[in-house]
């Protein structure tokens, strides 16, 4: 299993790195063969040949240095560099009449050890298996090569049904124009537009110039007109987060006011054309539609005509003026919808919500700082027995307090290690779970091992509800999916999860390291061996809540009120109460 794991890591690395490793490893048997022919009088010549791997390595290092990320360059190339150094020392020692055979054995052993250690560190510790180094190219050329990286390394490159030529045709001219004008903000906006079109929340951007990124995101967010919007259960668009002393409030737009038209177009129609472009992508179309009213509230020019229902339910139209960027208000609106200000930060926290319903909050799939050796051990085992036992004990403690049903809260779960997800799911099922890691090659998805049991499901008969939202991410996404599909849990949420679960591990670095695109390269499979969770090209959600939470106007106001109650948790508790009566 471990050797297969190493093989997959090697398979997923970029071609130049594969070539470097193979060159280093093949140098040893070639030097052994050369020594057979050169021993004796020509042995000193053989010692000089041992310098070739080091010379090659230094040339490779100079050519493949990731500009702006020298620390990453060093970490990635440390193992092959040490192998080159060991081979060089081998030649030096033999030159000074030390035992050739003994050092040949030591060089072989240490080289294999360094190779194994290096590949394992790339995957588990550094999470940089595939690197597209385009830091020596201009903006347009580096973007072109990055799109090529997606076409050859991205684990969902065919699943998402992209047209890579069409992406180049659309975005390379934008990069060319930005490069011509040295307009970094325009380049960043083009990258965010591209990331949006890729509809995968795991494809993320890192921009070194934070001031330029802020300006780009401010422009994409649009203008602030003094309020945001949210759609209630009746389909009405309500004003929320209204600036108390602002122009909109003075014109009669208050908290809960129904907005009917946006710049002369019915809001129900205007909202359909809104692209939700932000730092966090909305992979699922269903989640984007849920948030479109929030994003629409920033779309417009220096002035906007807004039509609303006054207190007598008569339509009124006012002209509002833009007042700075909408992004701060939009960010606050998203945070309120996600209830981030109401959620606890303690991971694996438990309590009793009443006399018989327990509560478990999982903020991310990490555990006690995850020391490197514990991470490697659990990754190879496929799940964390330590976490499994810990949570089992917490649930036993809740049972002793009278728990007969459980709400598992994974709203805004930040994801993490898949093997920790296996430990949680294994508490609620004794059925096989899929292997945590796979890969895509030869137009086929492969997994490292067959499904197997991770735990005995001691709580499989406990009524379980899982509370999710659109920020239930990655490994949290997988947890919700498998708890629903394998454990019979009832999924509850106002929207479905993040919709992006495939493992990370790839990075494309553009010009001088100024722009970086993260590329998922490893598979998180279903029992059938296909990508779990992620949508196809139509962006349709692969799984949905069993209970969709909706908001009457009074709950909308509570959702956005300072110090408001956690209405989502209240609704989930109410449902579980009815389910267990």
Protein backbone atom coordinates (compact mmCIF):
# COMPACT_ATOMS: atom_id res chain seq x y z
CA UNK A 1 0.00 0.00 0.00
CA UNK A 2 2.78 2.43 0.95
CA UNK A 3 4.72 1.70 -2.25
CA UNK A 4 1.57 2.28 -4.29
CA UNK A 5 1.05 5.55 -2.43
CA UNK A 6 4.57 6.66 -3.33
CA UNK A 7 4.05 5.62 -6.93
CA UNK A 8 0.91 7.78 -7.18
CA UNK A 9 2.74 10.76 -5.66
CA UNK A 10 5.50 10.29 -8.23
CA UNK A 11 2.93 9.88 -11.01
CA UNK A 12 1.23 13.16 -10.11
CA UNK A 13 4.38 15.30 -10.02
CA UNK A 14 5.24 17.54 -12.96
CA UNK A 15 7.38 16.00 -15.76
CA UNK A 16 10.53 17.99 -14.95
CA UNK A 17 10.51 16.81 -11.32
CA UNK A 18 9.99 13.20 -12.41
CA UNK A 19 12.97 13.56 -14.75
CA UNK A 20 15.13 14.99 -11.96
CA UNK A 21 14.34 12.12 -9.58
CA UNK A 22 14.88 9.48 -12.25
CA UNK A 23 18.18 11.08 -13.26
CA UNK A 24 19.41 10.98 -9.66
CA UNK A 25 18.35 7.40 -9.05
CA UNK A 26 19.62 6.07 -12.38
CA UNK A 27 22.93 7.80 -11.76
CA UNK A 28 23.73 5.23 -9.07
CA UNK A 29 23.52 2.04 -11.20
CA UNK A 30 25.18 3.87 -14.10
CA UNK A 31 28.06 4.88 -11.85
CA UNK A 32 28.29 1.32 -10.54
CA UNK A 33 28.57 0.09 -14.13
CA UNK A 34 31.10 2.81 -14.95
CA UNK A 35 33.21 1.82 -11.95
CA UNK A 36 33.41 -1.73 -13.26
CA UNK A 37 35.10 -0.45 -16.42
CA UNK A 38 37.16 2.34 -14.85
CA UNK A 39 38.44 0.72 -11.67
CA UNK A 40 42.15 0.60 -11.21
CA UNK A 41 44.19 3.26 -12.94
CA UNK A 42 41.13 5.14 -14.19
CA UNK A 43 39.29 5.14 -10.84
CA UNK A 44 40.09 8.82 -10.29
CA UNK A 45 38.26 9.59 -13.54
CA UNK A 46 35.29 7.70 -12.10
CA UNK A 47 35.39 9.92 -9.01
CA UNK A 48 35.05 12.97 -11.23
CA UNK A 49 32.02 11.38 -12.92
CA UNK A 50 30.34 11.34 -9.48
CA UNK A 51 30.16 15.15 -9.72
CA UNK A 52 27.85 15.02 -12.75
CA UNK A 53 24.62 14.57 -10.70
CA UNK A 54 25.54 17.60 -8.58
CA UNK A 55 26.31 19.71 -11.64
CA UNK A 56 23.02 18.63 -13.19
CA UNK A 57 21.19 19.39 -9.97
CA UNK A 58 22.66 22.88 -9.69
CA UNK A 59 21.72 23.65 -13.30
CA UNK A 60 18.22 22.29 -12.68
CA UNK A 61 17.92 24.35 -9.50
CA UNK A 62 18.94 27.55 -11.28
CA UNK A 63 16.52 26.96 -14.15
CA UNK A 64 13.60 25.76 -12.05
CA UNK A 65 13.83 28.12 -9.11
CA UNK A 66 10.34 29.35 -8.23
CA UNK A 67 10.83 33.11 -8.19
CA UNK A 68 9.37 34.61 -5.06
CA UNK A 69 9.09 31.22 -3.35
CA UNK A 70 12.69 30.26 -2.68
CA UNK A 71 11.70 28.39 0.50
CA UNK A 72 9.35 26.18 -1.50
CA UNK A 73 12.07 25.61 -4.13
CA UNK A 74 14.42 24.46 -1.38
CA UNK A 75 11.85 22.12 0.23
CA UNK A 76 10.89 20.50 -3.07
CA UNK A 77 14.46 20.03 -4.23
CA UNK A 78 16.02 19.09 -0.90
CA UNK A 79 15.72 15.32 -1.43
CA UNK A 80 17.24 15.17 -4.96
CA UNK A 81 19.87 17.71 -3.86
CA UNK A 82 20.91 15.52 -0.95
CA UNK A 83 21.06 12.49 -3.24
CA UNK A 84 23.37 14.45 -5.57
CA UNK A 85 25.48 15.42 -2.54
CA UNK A 86 25.73 11.81 -1.32
CA UNK A 87 26.84 10.67 -4.79
CA UNK A 88 29.44 13.45 -4.86
CA UNK A 89 30.78 12.37 -1.45
CA UNK A 90 30.86 8.80 -2.72
CA UNK A 91 33.25 9.90 -5.45
CA UNK A 92 35.36 11.97 -3.05
CA UNK A 93 35.74 9.10 -0.57
CA UNK A 94 36.68 6.61 -3.26
CA UNK A 95 39.15 9.17 -4.63
CA UNK A 96 40.89 9.08 -1.23
CA UNK A 97 41.02 5.28 -1.29
CA UNK A 98 38.01 4.53 0.92
CA UNK A 99 35.97 1.36 0.42
CA UNK A 100 34.05 1.56 -2.83
CA UNK A 101 31.71 -1.34 -2.06
CA UNK A 102 30.73 -0.18 1.42
CA UNK A 103 29.96 3.33 0.27
CA UNK A 104 28.09 2.06 -2.80
CA UNK A 105 25.72 0.21 -0.48
CA UNK A 106 25.33 3.24 1.81
CA UNK A 107 24.70 5.59 -1.11
CA UNK A 108 21.98 3.29 -2.47
CA UNK A 109 20.27 2.94 0.92
CA UNK A 110 20.35 6.64 1.77
CA UNK A 111 19.21 7.66 -1.72
CA UNK A 112 16.15 5.42 -1.55
CA UNK A 113 15.44 6.67 1.96
CA UNK A 114 15.66 10.31 0.84
CA UNK A 115 13.46 9.64 -2.16
CA UNK A 116 10.76 8.04 0.02
CA UNK A 117 11.03 10.80 2.62
CA UNK A 118 10.94 13.52 -0.03
CA UNK A 119 7.87 12.19 -1.85
CA UNK A 120 6.02 11.62 1.42
CA UNK A 121 6.82 15.14 2.62
CA UNK A 122 5.65 16.63 -0.69
CA UNK A 123 2.23 15.05 -0.28
CA UNK A 124 1.57 15.03 3.47
CA UNK A 125 3.50 17.98 4.87
CA UNK A 126 4.06 20.46 2.04
CA UNK A 127 0.98 19.60 -0.08
CA UNK A 128 2.92 20.56 -3.21
CA UNK A 129 3.02 17.45 -5.38
CA UNK A 130 2.53 19.12 -8.77
CA UNK A 131 4.09 22.53 -9.38
CA UNK A 132 3.69 24.52 -12.56
CA UNK A 133 6.58 26.98 -12.39
CA UNK A 134 5.85 29.83 -14.78
CA UNK A 135 7.45 32.53 -12.68
CA UNK A 136 9.97 33.31 -15.45
CA UNK A 137 7.24 34.07 -18.02
CA UNK A 138 5.15 37.18 -18.63
CA UNK A 139 1.51 37.51 -17.60
CA UNK A 140 -0.03 36.21 -20.82
CA UNK A 141 2.43 33.35 -21.32
CA UNK A 142 2.26 32.24 -17.69
CA UNK A 143 -1.54 32.22 -17.82
CA UNK A 144 -1.46 30.16 -21.01
CA UNK A 145 0.82 27.62 -19.34
CA UNK A 146 -1.39 27.58 -16.25
CA UNK A 147 -4.42 26.65 -18.35
CA UNK A 148 -2.24 23.90 -19.85
CA UNK A 149 -1.52 22.74 -16.28
CA UNK A 150 -5.25 22.40 -15.69
CA UNK A 151 -5.59 20.34 -18.85
CA UNK A 152 -2.92 17.82 -17.79
CA UNK A 153 -2.88 17.81 -13.96
CA UNK A 154 -6.32 18.86 -12.64
CA UNK A 155 -8.09 15.79 -11.29
CA UNK A 156 -11.46 16.98 -12.69
CA UNK A 157 -10.09 18.12 -16.05
CA UNK A 158 -12.59 16.01 -18.01
CA UNK A 159 -15.26 15.67 -15.31
CA UNK A 160 -15.93 19.43 -15.40
CA UNK A 161 -16.20 19.37 -19.21
CA UNK A 162 -14.04 22.44 -19.78
CA UNK A 163 -13.14 23.73 -23.23
CA UNK A 164 -9.53 24.73 -22.63
CA UNK A 165 -9.10 26.35 -26.03
CA UNK A 166 -12.16 28.49 -25.35
CA UNK A 167 -10.72 29.51 -21.97
CA UNK A 168 -7.50 30.60 -23.64
CA UNK A 169 -9.38 32.48 -26.35
CA UNK A 170 -11.37 34.37 -23.71
CA UNK A 171 -8.77 35.12 -21.04
CA UNK A 172 -5.40 35.40 -22.81
CA UNK A 173 -6.40 38.66 -24.55
CA UNK A 174 -7.37 40.07 -21.13
CA UNK A 175 -3.96 39.08 -19.75
CA UNK A 176 -2.23 40.49 -22.84
CA UNK A 177 -3.99 43.86 -22.47
CA UNK A 178 -3.27 43.98 -18.74
CA UNK A 179 0.40 43.15 -19.35
CA UNK A 180 0.66 45.78 -22.07
CA UNK A 181 -0.68 48.45 -19.71
CA UNK A 182 1.07 46.98 -16.62
CA UNK A 183 -2.40 46.99 -15.04
CA UNK A 184 -2.07 44.47 -12.24
CA UNK A 185 -5.63 45.09 -11.03
CA UNK A 186 -7.02 44.17 -14.46
CA UNK A 187 -4.90 40.98 -14.46
CA UNK A 188 -6.22 40.00 -11.04
CA UNK A 189 -9.80 40.64 -12.13
CA UNK A 190 -9.24 38.40 -15.16
CA UNK A 191 -7.88 35.65 -12.92
CA UNK A 192 -10.89 35.87 -10.62
CA UNK A 193 -13.22 35.75 -13.63
CA UNK A 194 -11.38 32.64 -14.84
CA UNK A 195 -11.55 31.04 -11.39
CA UNK A 196 -15.31 31.72 -11.32
CA UNK A 197 -15.77 30.01 -14.68
CA UNK A 198 -13.87 26.95 -13.47
CA UNK A 199 -16.61 26.51 -10.79
CA UNK A 200 -14.43 24.66 -8.31
CA UNK A 201 -13.98 26.20 -4.87
CA UNK A 202 -10.74 24.26 -4.43
CA UNK A 203 -9.23 26.18 -7.35
CA UNK A 204 -8.18 29.23 -5.40
CA UNK A 205 -6.02 32.28 -6.02
CA UNK A 206 -3.19 33.74 -4.02
CA UNK A 207 -2.11 37.26 -4.90
CA UNK A 208 1.08 38.72 -3.44
CA UNK A 209 0.09 42.36 -3.93
CA UNK A 210 -2.74 42.51 -1.40
CA UNK A 211 -3.50 46.17 -2.15
CA UNK A 212 -4.01 45.42 -5.86
CA UNK A 213 -6.11 42.36 -4.98
CA UNK A 214 -8.30 44.44 -2.68
CA UNK A 215 -8.88 46.99 -5.45
CA UNK A 216 -9.72 44.22 -7.93
CA UNK A 217 -12.18 42.57 -5.53
CA UNK A 218 -13.71 45.95 -4.69
CA UNK A 219 -14.32 46.59 -8.37
CA UNK A 220 -15.83 43.14 -8.87
CA UNK A 221 -18.10 43.64 -5.86
CA UNK A 222 -19.52 46.87 -7.27
CA UNK A 223 -20.92 49.91 -5.50
CA UNK A 224 -22.52 50.28 -2.09
CA UNK A 225 -26.01 51.78 -2.12
CA UNK A 226 -26.56 51.46 1.62
CA UNK A 227 -28.12 48.01 1.99
CA UNK A 228 -27.98 44.37 0.98
CA UNK A 229 -30.76 41.94 -0.04
CA UNK A 230 -32.00 38.48 0.94
CA UNK A 231 -34.76 36.32 -0.54
CA UNK A 232 -37.39 35.06 1.92
CA UNK A 233 -39.42 31.86 1.67
CA UNK A 234 -42.13 33.58 -0.39
CA UNK A 235 -39.60 34.72 -2.99
CA UNK A 236 -39.69 38.36 -1.91
CA UNK A 237 -36.43 40.31 -1.88
CA UNK A 238 -35.96 42.03 1.46
CA UNK A 239 -33.58 44.87 2.28
CA UNK A 240 -31.15 43.91 5.05
CA UNK A 241 -28.14 45.50 6.72
CA UNK A 242 -29.58 48.91 5.87
CA UNK A 243 -27.25 51.77 6.80
CA UNK A 244 -29.20 53.65 9.45
CA UNK A 245 -28.18 57.16 8.44
CA UNK A 246 -27.75 56.43 4.76
CA UNK A 247 -29.50 57.70 1.67
CA UNK A 248 -31.51 54.49 1.25
CA UNK A 249 -32.92 54.66 4.79
CA UNK A 250 -33.78 58.32 4.36
CA UNK A 251 -35.68 57.41 1.18
CA UNK A 252 -37.81 54.86 3.07
CA UNK A 253 -35.86 51.61 2.55
CA UNK A 254 -35.69 50.01 5.99
CA UNK A 255 -34.85 46.55 7.39
CA UNK A 256 -37.28 44.13 5.78
CA UNK A 257 -38.49 46.50 3.05
CA UNK A 258 -39.50 44.56 -0.08
CA UNK A 259 -37.44 45.54 -3.14
CA UNK A 260 -39.33 44.95 -6.40
CA UNK A 261 -37.16 46.44 -9.17
CA UNK A 262 -33.47 47.04 -9.69
CA UNK A 263 -32.68 49.80 -12.15
CA UNK A 264 -36.06 49.30 -13.83
CA UNK A 265 -35.86 45.49 -14.07
CA UNK A 266 -37.87 43.18 -11.83
CA UNK A 267 -35.48 41.90 -9.15
CA UNK A 268 -36.59 38.33 -9.85
CA UNK A 269 -35.20 38.75 -13.39
CA UNK A 270 -32.20 40.96 -12.62
CA UNK A 271 -30.90 38.47 -10.09
CA UNK A 272 -30.65 35.65 -12.67
CA UNK A 273 -27.72 37.27 -14.49
CA UNK A 274 -25.57 37.95 -11.43
CA UNK A 275 -22.15 36.29 -11.21
CA UNK A 276 -21.13 35.69 -7.60
CA UNK A 277 -17.41 36.40 -7.90
CA UNK A 278 -15.55 36.60 -4.60
CA UNK A 279 -12.58 35.08 -2.78
CA UNK A 280 -14.71 31.98 -2.14
CA UNK A 281 -16.25 30.37 -5.21
CA UNK A 282 -19.76 28.91 -5.31
CA UNK A 283 -19.17 25.57 -7.00
CA UNK A 284 -22.81 24.52 -6.96
CA UNK A 285 -25.29 26.52 -9.00
CA UNK A 286 -27.85 26.06 -6.21
CA UNK A 287 -25.60 27.88 -3.74
CA UNK A 288 -24.90 30.70 -6.17
CA UNK A 289 -28.63 31.19 -6.76
CA UNK A 290 -29.13 31.35 -2.99
CA UNK A 291 -26.59 34.19 -2.74
CA UNK A 292 -27.38 36.07 -5.96
CA UNK A 293 -29.65 38.65 -4.21
CA UNK A 294 -26.75 39.55 -1.91
CA UNK A 295 -24.43 40.12 -4.88
CA UNK A 296 -27.07 41.96 -6.93
CA UNK A 297 -27.23 44.72 -4.32
CA UNK A 298 -23.81 45.95 -5.49
CA UNK A 299 -24.49 45.92 -9.23
CA UNK A 300 -24.95 49.35 -10.79
CA UNK A 301 -23.28 52.59 -11.77
CA UNK A 302 -22.75 55.87 -9.97
CA UNK A 303 -26.51 55.98 -9.46
CA UNK A 304 -29.17 53.28 -9.34
CA UNK A 305 -32.95 53.36 -9.46
CA UNK A 306 -34.50 51.17 -6.78
CA UNK A 307 -38.22 50.39 -6.63
CA UNK A 308 -39.65 49.19 -3.30
CA UNK A 309 -42.91 48.80 -1.38
CA UNK A 310 -43.50 51.52 1.18
CA UNK A 311 -45.32 50.98 4.49
CA UNK A 312 -48.66 51.27 2.65
CA UNK A 313 -47.52 48.56 0.19
CA UNK A 314 -47.33 51.03 -2.67
CA UNK A 315 -44.41 51.01 -5.09
CA UNK A 316 -41.96 53.87 -4.77
CA UNK A 317 -38.88 54.49 -6.94
CA UNK A 318 -35.84 56.38 -5.71
CA UNK A 319 -32.45 57.18 -7.16
CA UNK A 320 -29.54 56.19 -4.93
CA UNK A 321 -25.92 57.25 -5.26
CA UNK A 322 -22.95 54.94 -4.93
CA UNK A 323 -20.97 55.38 -1.74
CA UNK A 324 -17.75 53.38 -1.89
CA UNK A 325 -17.25 49.67 -2.43
CA UNK A 326 -20.06 47.24 -1.63
CA UNK A 327 -17.64 44.49 -0.61
CA UNK A 328 -17.54 45.18 3.17
CA UNK A 329 -21.35 45.13 3.40
CA UNK A 330 -21.54 42.07 1.14
CA UNK A 331 -18.97 40.24 3.27
CA UNK A 332 -20.97 41.04 6.40
CA UNK A 333 -24.15 39.78 4.72
CA UNK A 334 -22.50 36.48 3.80
CA UNK A 335 -21.16 36.10 7.34
CA UNK A 336 -24.64 36.70 8.77
CA UNK A 337 -26.19 34.14 6.43
CA UNK A 338 -23.51 31.62 7.40
CA UNK A 339 -24.08 32.50 11.09
CA UNK A 340 -20.31 32.73 11.56
CA UNK A 341 -20.77 35.22 14.40
CA UNK A 342 -22.91 32.68 16.28
CA UNK A 343 -20.81 29.52 15.84
CA UNK A 344 -18.28 28.34 18.38
CA UNK A 345 -14.63 27.97 17.47
CA UNK A 346 -13.84 24.95 19.67
CA UNK A 347 -13.40 21.88 17.51
CA UNK A 348 -15.23 18.68 18.52
CA UNK A 349 -17.17 20.59 21.19
CA UNK A 350 -20.19 18.80 22.68
CA UNK A 351 -23.15 19.73 24.87
CA UNK A 352 -26.80 18.85 25.49
CA UNK A 353 -29.29 21.13 23.73
CA UNK A 354 -32.09 19.87 25.95
CA UNK A 355 -32.74 16.84 28.11
CA UNK A 356 -32.42 14.31 25.26
CA UNK A 357 -30.80 15.89 22.17
CA UNK A 358 -27.02 16.09 22.08
CA UNK A 359 -24.87 18.44 20.02
CA UNK A 360 -21.44 17.96 18.40
CA UNK A 361 -19.69 20.80 16.57
CA UNK A 362 -16.87 20.01 14.13
CA UNK A 363 -15.14 23.12 12.82
CA UNK A 364 -12.49 21.35 10.69
CA UNK A 365 -10.89 17.98 10.08
CA UNK A 366 -7.79 18.54 12.19
CA UNK A 367 -6.91 17.00 15.52
CA UNK A 368 -4.70 18.14 18.40
CA UNK A 369 -2.25 20.00 16.22
CA UNK A 370 -1.64 16.97 14.01
CA UNK A 371 2.09 16.26 14.64
CA UNK A 372 3.76 15.23 11.37
CA UNK A 373 4.32 11.59 12.34
CA UNK A 374 0.71 11.27 13.56
CA UNK A 375 -0.49 12.69 10.25
CA UNK A 376 1.63 10.24 8.24
CA UNK A 377 0.60 7.29 10.42
CA UNK A 378 -3.12 8.11 10.21
CA UNK A 379 -2.90 8.84 6.47
CA UNK A 380 -1.38 5.43 5.81
CA UNK A 381 -3.93 3.71 8.08
CA UNK A 382 -6.77 5.48 6.28
CA UNK A 383 -8.33 6.91 9.43
CA UNK A 384 -7.47 8.20 12.91
CA UNK A 385 -8.20 5.62 15.59
CA UNK A 386 -7.23 8.24 18.16
CA UNK A 387 -9.97 10.65 17.05
CA UNK A 388 -12.44 7.79 16.69
CA UNK A 389 -11.91 6.77 20.33
CA UNK A 390 -11.98 10.38 21.54
CA UNK A 391 -15.33 11.16 19.87
CA UNK A 392 -16.78 7.84 20.94
CA UNK A 393 -15.98 8.82 24.52
CA UNK A 394 -17.61 12.24 24.07
CA UNK A 395 -20.77 10.60 22.73
CA UNK A 396 -20.79 8.14 25.62
CA UNK A 397 -20.69 11.12 27.99
CA UNK A 398 -23.68 12.69 26.21
CA UNK A 399 -25.55 9.39 26.40
CA UNK A 400 -24.97 9.33 30.15
CA UNK A 401 -26.70 12.75 30.25
CA UNK A 402 -29.77 11.35 28.48
CA UNK A 403 -28.94 11.77 24.78
CA UNK A 404 -31.29 9.85 22.48
CA UNK A 405 -30.58 11.87 19.29
CA UNK A 406 -27.71 13.98 18.00
CA UNK A 407 -27.28 17.15 15.93
CA UNK A 408 -23.87 17.23 14.25
CA UNK A 409 -23.11 20.83 13.28
CA UNK A 410 -20.66 21.16 10.36
CA UNK A 411 -21.69 24.62 9.22
CA UNK A 412 -18.61 26.56 8.08
CA UNK A 413 -16.50 23.45 8.52
CA UNK A 414 -13.14 24.39 7.02
CA UNK A 415 -12.20 20.89 5.83
CA UNK A 416 -8.86 19.21 6.43
CA UNK A 417 -7.69 15.61 6.36
CA UNK A 418 -9.96 13.00 4.79
CA UNK A 419 -8.73 10.28 7.13
CA UNK A 420 -10.29 12.22 10.03
CA UNK A 421 -13.59 12.24 8.14
CA UNK A 422 -13.37 8.44 7.99
CA UNK A 423 -13.07 8.33 11.78
CA UNK A 424 -16.24 10.39 12.24
CA UNK A 425 -18.28 8.46 9.67
CA UNK A 426 -17.05 5.17 11.15
CA UNK A 427 -18.85 6.03 14.39
CA UNK A 428 -22.18 5.88 12.58
CA UNK A 429 -21.71 2.96 10.17
CA UNK A 430 -20.07 -0.45 10.10
CA UNK A 431 -20.25 -0.54 6.31
CA UNK A 432 -17.16 -0.14 4.08
CA UNK A 433 -16.04 3.37 3.24
CA UNK A 434 -14.11 4.27 0.09
CA UNK A 435 -10.35 4.72 0.03
CA UNK A 436 -9.37 8.27 0.93
CA UNK A 437 -7.06 8.92 -2.06
CA UNK A 438 -7.19 8.20 -5.76
CA UNK A 439 -6.00 9.68 -9.03
CA UNK A 440 -6.99 10.22 -12.66
CA UNK A 441 -4.92 8.65 -15.43
CA UNK A 442 -5.64 7.28 -18.90
CA UNK A 443 -9.15 8.80 -18.81
CA UNK A 444 -10.01 6.63 -15.81
CA UNK A 445 -10.31 7.21 -12.07
CA UNK A 446 -8.28 4.88 -9.85
CA UNK A 447 -8.19 4.38 -6.08
CA UNK A 448 -5.30 3.20 -3.94
CA UNK A 449 -7.27 0.44 -2.21
CA UNK A 450 -10.67 -1.17 -2.07
CA UNK A 451 -13.38 0.12 0.32
CA UNK A 452 -13.08 -1.16 3.87
CA UNK A 453 -14.49 -0.61 7.35
CA UNK A 454 -13.12 2.29 9.37
CA UNK A 455 -14.79 1.70 12.71
CA UNK A 456 -17.64 -0.51 13.88
CA UNK A 457 -20.50 2.00 13.86
CA UNK A 458 -21.29 1.99 17.61
CA UNK A 459 -23.77 4.84 17.09
CA UNK A 460 -25.37 3.62 13.86
CA UNK A 461 -28.82 3.39 15.48
CA UNK A 462 -28.69 6.87 17.00
CA UNK A 463 -31.03 9.33 15.21
CA UNK A 464 -28.63 11.76 13.56
CA UNK A 465 -29.17 15.16 11.92
CA UNK A 466 -26.31 16.98 10.19
CA UNK A 467 -26.55 20.76 9.97
CA UNK A 468 -24.75 22.18 6.89
CA UNK A 469 -24.42 25.38 4.89
CA UNK A 470 -22.69 26.59 1.74
CA UNK A 471 -19.45 26.99 3.66
CA UNK A 472 -19.24 23.33 4.71
CA UNK A 473 -15.97 22.74 2.91
CA UNK A 474 -13.88 19.98 1.39
CA UNK A 475 -13.44 17.16 3.94
CA UNK A 476 -16.49 18.58 5.75
CA UNK A 477 -18.31 18.34 2.43
CA UNK A 478 -17.35 14.67 2.24
CA UNK A 479 -18.41 14.08 5.83
CA UNK A 480 -21.89 15.43 5.16
CA UNK A 481 -22.15 13.42 1.94
CA UNK A 482 -21.16 10.10 3.50
CA UNK A 483 -23.19 10.61 6.67
CA UNK A 484 -26.26 11.14 4.49
CA UNK A 485 -25.58 8.43 1.90
CA UNK A 486 -24.05 5.73 4.11
CA UNK A 487 -25.33 6.40 7.61
CA UNK A 488 -28.89 7.54 6.90
CA UNK A 489 -28.34 10.91 8.56
CA UNK A 490 -30.86 13.67 7.89
CA UNK A 491 -29.11 16.60 6.20
CA UNK A 492 -30.51 20.01 7.22
CA UNK A 493 -29.57 23.38 5.74
CA UNK A 494 -30.77 26.50 3.98
CA UNK A 495 -28.47 25.56 1.09
CA UNK A 496 -26.32 22.57 0.28
CA UNK A 497 -22.61 22.24 1.01
CA UNK A 498 -19.56 23.79 -0.68
CA UNK A 499 -19.63 21.30 -3.54
CA UNK A 500 -15.88 20.85 -3.83
CA UNK A 501 -14.13 17.87 -2.26
CA UNK A 502 -11.19 16.81 -4.43
CA UNK A 503 -7.81 16.91 -2.75
CA UNK A 504 -5.37 19.72 -3.27
CA UNK A 505 -1.67 19.21 -4.03
CA UNK A 506 -1.04 21.23 -7.17
CA UNK A 507 0.05 24.84 -7.62
CA UNK A 508 0.70 26.96 -10.68
CA UNK A 509 2.95 29.96 -10.03
CA UNK A 510 2.66 32.80 -12.54
CA UNK A 511 4.96 35.72 -13.30
CA UNK A 512 7.53 36.29 -10.51
CA UNK A 513 5.24 34.41 -8.11
CA UNK A 514 2.86 37.37 -8.07
CA UNK A 515 -0.17 35.20 -8.88
CA UNK A 516 -0.75 31.61 -7.82
CA UNK A 517 -3.52 29.20 -8.77
CA UNK A 518 -4.14 26.15 -6.58
CA UNK A 519 -5.00 23.01 -8.57
CA UNK A 520 -6.56 19.88 -7.01
CA UNK A 521 -4.74 16.83 -8.37
CA UNK A 522 -5.84 13.87 -6.19
CA UNK A 523 -9.18 12.09 -6.05
CA UNK A 524 -11.65 11.87 -3.17
CA UNK A 525 -13.74 8.96 -4.46
CA UNK A 526 -17.20 7.58 -3.87
CA UNK A 527 -17.75 3.85 -3.29
CA UNK A 528 -18.09 3.60 -7.08
CA UNK A 529 -14.67 5.19 -7.57
CA UNK A 530 -15.91 8.46 -9.07
CA UNK A 531 -15.30 12.00 -7.77
CA UNK A 532 -17.44 12.55 -4.68
CA UNK A 533 -19.55 15.68 -4.32
CA UNK A 534 -18.19 17.79 -7.21
CA UNK A 535 -20.66 18.83 -9.91
CA UNK A 536 -20.23 18.17 -13.60
CA UNK A 537 -20.19 20.94 -16.19
CA UNK A 538 -23.84 21.82 -15.46
CA UNK A 539 -22.87 22.82 -11.87
CA UNK A 540 -25.86 20.91 -10.48
CA UNK A 541 -25.47 19.79 -6.86
CA UNK A 542 -24.64 16.11 -6.43
CA UNK A 543 -26.55 15.95 -3.14
CA UNK A 544 -29.04 18.21 -1.37
CA UNK A 545 -30.37 18.67 2.18
CA UNK A 546 -33.25 16.40 3.16
CA UNK A 547 -34.72 19.34 5.03
CA UNK A 548 -34.32 22.73 3.35
CA UNK A 549 -34.58 25.60 5.82
CA UNK A 550 -36.55 28.62 4.63
CA UNK A 551 -36.99 32.04 6.18
CA UNK A 552 -40.24 33.95 6.69
CA UNK A 553 -39.68 37.72 6.93
CA UNK A 554 -39.42 37.69 10.73
CA UNK A 555 -36.65 35.05 10.58
CA UNK A 556 -34.81 37.05 7.93
CA UNK A 557 -34.72 40.02 10.29
CA UNK A 558 -33.53 37.76 13.12
CA UNK A 559 -30.81 36.33 10.88
CA UNK A 560 -29.37 39.77 10.19
CA UNK A 561 -30.03 41.38 13.58
CA UNK A 562 -27.07 42.11 15.86
CA UNK A 563 -27.13 39.49 18.61
CA UNK A 564 -29.90 37.58 16.86
CA UNK A 565 -30.69 34.00 17.69
CA UNK A 566 -29.25 31.06 15.77
CA UNK A 567 -32.46 30.40 13.86
CA UNK A 568 -30.89 27.57 11.84
CA UNK A 569 -30.00 25.60 14.94
CA UNK A 570 -33.43 26.32 16.41
CA UNK A 571 -35.12 25.00 13.27
CA UNK A 572 -32.87 21.90 13.26
CA UNK A 573 -33.65 21.26 16.93
CA UNK A 574 -37.36 21.63 16.23
CA UNK A 575 -37.13 19.12 13.38
CA UNK A 576 -35.18 16.56 15.41
CA UNK A 577 -37.73 16.92 18.22
CA UNK A 578 -40.52 16.05 15.79
CA UNK A 579 -38.47 13.22 14.31
CA UNK A 580 -37.88 11.54 17.67
CA UNK A 581 -41.29 11.93 19.27
